[in-house]
C-alpha atoms as a PDB file:
ATOM      1  CA  MET A   1      -3.977  -1.102  -5.497  1.00  0.00           C
ATOM      2  CA  LEU A   2      -5.567  -1.121  -8.913  1.00  0.00           C
ATOM      3  CA  ALA A   3      -2.769   1.029 -10.291  1.00  0.00           C
ATOM      4  CA  VAL A   4      -0.173  -1.361  -8.861  1.00  0.00           C
ATOM      5  CA  THR A   5      -1.995  -4.255 -10.477  1.00  0.00           C
ATOM      6  CA  GLY A   6      -1.931  -2.581 -13.875  1.00  0.00           C
ATOM      7  CA  LEU A   7       1.533  -1.081 -13.696  1.00  0.00           C
ATOM      8  CA  VAL A   8       3.412  -3.908 -11.976  1.00  0.00           C
ATOM      9  CA  PHE A   9       1.567  -7.173 -12.376  1.00  0.00           C
ATOM     10  CA  ALA A  10       0.543  -6.883 -16.010  1.00  0.00           C
ATOM     11  CA  PRO A  11       4.185  -6.616 -17.145  1.00  0.00           C
ATOM     12  CA  LEU A  12       5.166  -9.504 -14.849  1.00  0.00           C
ATOM     13  CA  HIS A  13       2.482 -11.693 -16.396  1.00  0.00           C
ATOM     14  CA  GLY A  14       3.625 -10.604 -19.847  1.00  0.00           C
ATOM     15  CA  ARG A  15       7.179 -11.642 -19.022  1.00  0.00           C
ATOM     16  CA  LEU A  16       5.945 -15.076 -17.966  1.00  0.00           C
ATOM     17  CA  GLU A  17       3.894 -15.334 -21.129  1.00  0.00           C
ATOM     18  CA  ARG A  18       6.910 -14.652 -23.334  1.00  0.00           C
ATOM     19  CA  ALA A  19       9.394 -16.857 -21.491  1.00  0.00           C
ATOM     20  CA  ALA A  20       8.327 -18.765 -18.416  1.00  0.00           C
ATOM     21  CA  SER A  21      11.154 -19.062 -15.941  1.00  0.00           C
ATOM     22  CA  LYS A  22      11.465 -19.946 -12.301  1.00  0.00           C
ATOM     23  CA  PRO A  23      12.979 -16.552 -11.316  1.00  0.00           C
ATOM     24  CA  ALA A  24      10.147 -14.659 -13.034  1.00  0.00           C
ATOM     25  CA  LEU A  25       7.578 -16.872 -11.331  1.00  0.00           C
ATOM     26  CA  LEU A  26       9.187 -16.316  -7.922  1.00  0.00           C
ATOM     27  CA  VAL A  27       9.105 -12.531  -8.426  1.00  0.00           C
ATOM     28  CA  LEU A  28       5.410 -12.728  -9.262  1.00  0.00           C
ATOM     29  CA  VAL A  29       4.623 -14.920  -6.241  1.00  0.00           C
ATOM     30  CA  ARG A  30       6.538 -12.671  -3.843  1.00  0.00           C
ATOM     31  CA  ALA A  31       4.884  -9.585  -5.257  1.00  0.00           C
ATOM     32  CA  ASN A  32       1.484 -11.244  -4.936  1.00  0.00           C
ATOM     33  CA  TRP A  33       2.113 -11.818  -1.223  1.00  0.00           C
ATOM     34  CA  LEU A  34       2.845  -8.117  -0.801  1.00  0.00           C
ATOM     35  CA  ARG A  35      -0.331  -7.239  -2.671  1.00  0.00           C
ATOM     36  CA  THR A  36      -2.330  -9.698  -0.562  1.00  0.00           C
ATOM     37  CA  THR A  37      -0.968  -8.112   2.611  1.00  0.00           C
ATOM     38  CA  ALA A  38      -1.835  -4.635   1.352  1.00  0.00           C
ATOM     39  CA  TRP A  39      -5.412  -5.654   0.486  1.00  0.00           C
ATOM     40  CA  THR A  40      -5.809  -7.298   3.896  1.00  0.00           C
ATOM     41  CA  ALA A  41      -4.624  -4.136   5.647  1.00  0.00           C
ATOM     42  CA  GLN A  42      -6.977  -2.041   3.527  1.00  0.00           C
ATOM     43  CA  VAL A  43      -9.954  -4.237   4.440  1.00  0.00           C
ATOM     44  CA  ALA A  44      -8.980  -4.160   8.130  1.00  0.00           C
ATOM     45  CA  CYS A  45      -8.880  -0.352   8.063  1.00  0.00           C
ATOM     46  CA  ALA A  46     -12.229  -0.180   6.307  1.00  0.00           C
ATOM     47  CA  ALA A  47     -13.767  -2.612   8.797  1.00  0.00           C
ATOM     48  CA  THR A  48     -12.657  -0.488  11.737  1.00  0.00           C
ATOM     49  CA  LEU A  49     -14.312   2.558  10.153  1.00  0.00           C
ATOM     50  CA  VAL A  50     -17.631   0.777   9.810  1.00  0.00           C
END
């Protein structure tokens, strides 16, 4: 997940920084939902192991 954050989200934030646009913001929001789901699944798996 940390690699995805650095490789995917940093460039998306950079794009917004250079030229904020609604399409770029929507891509970032959708991608954030995917990342949130992945983190939730990771925590659920870890909780079942404990």
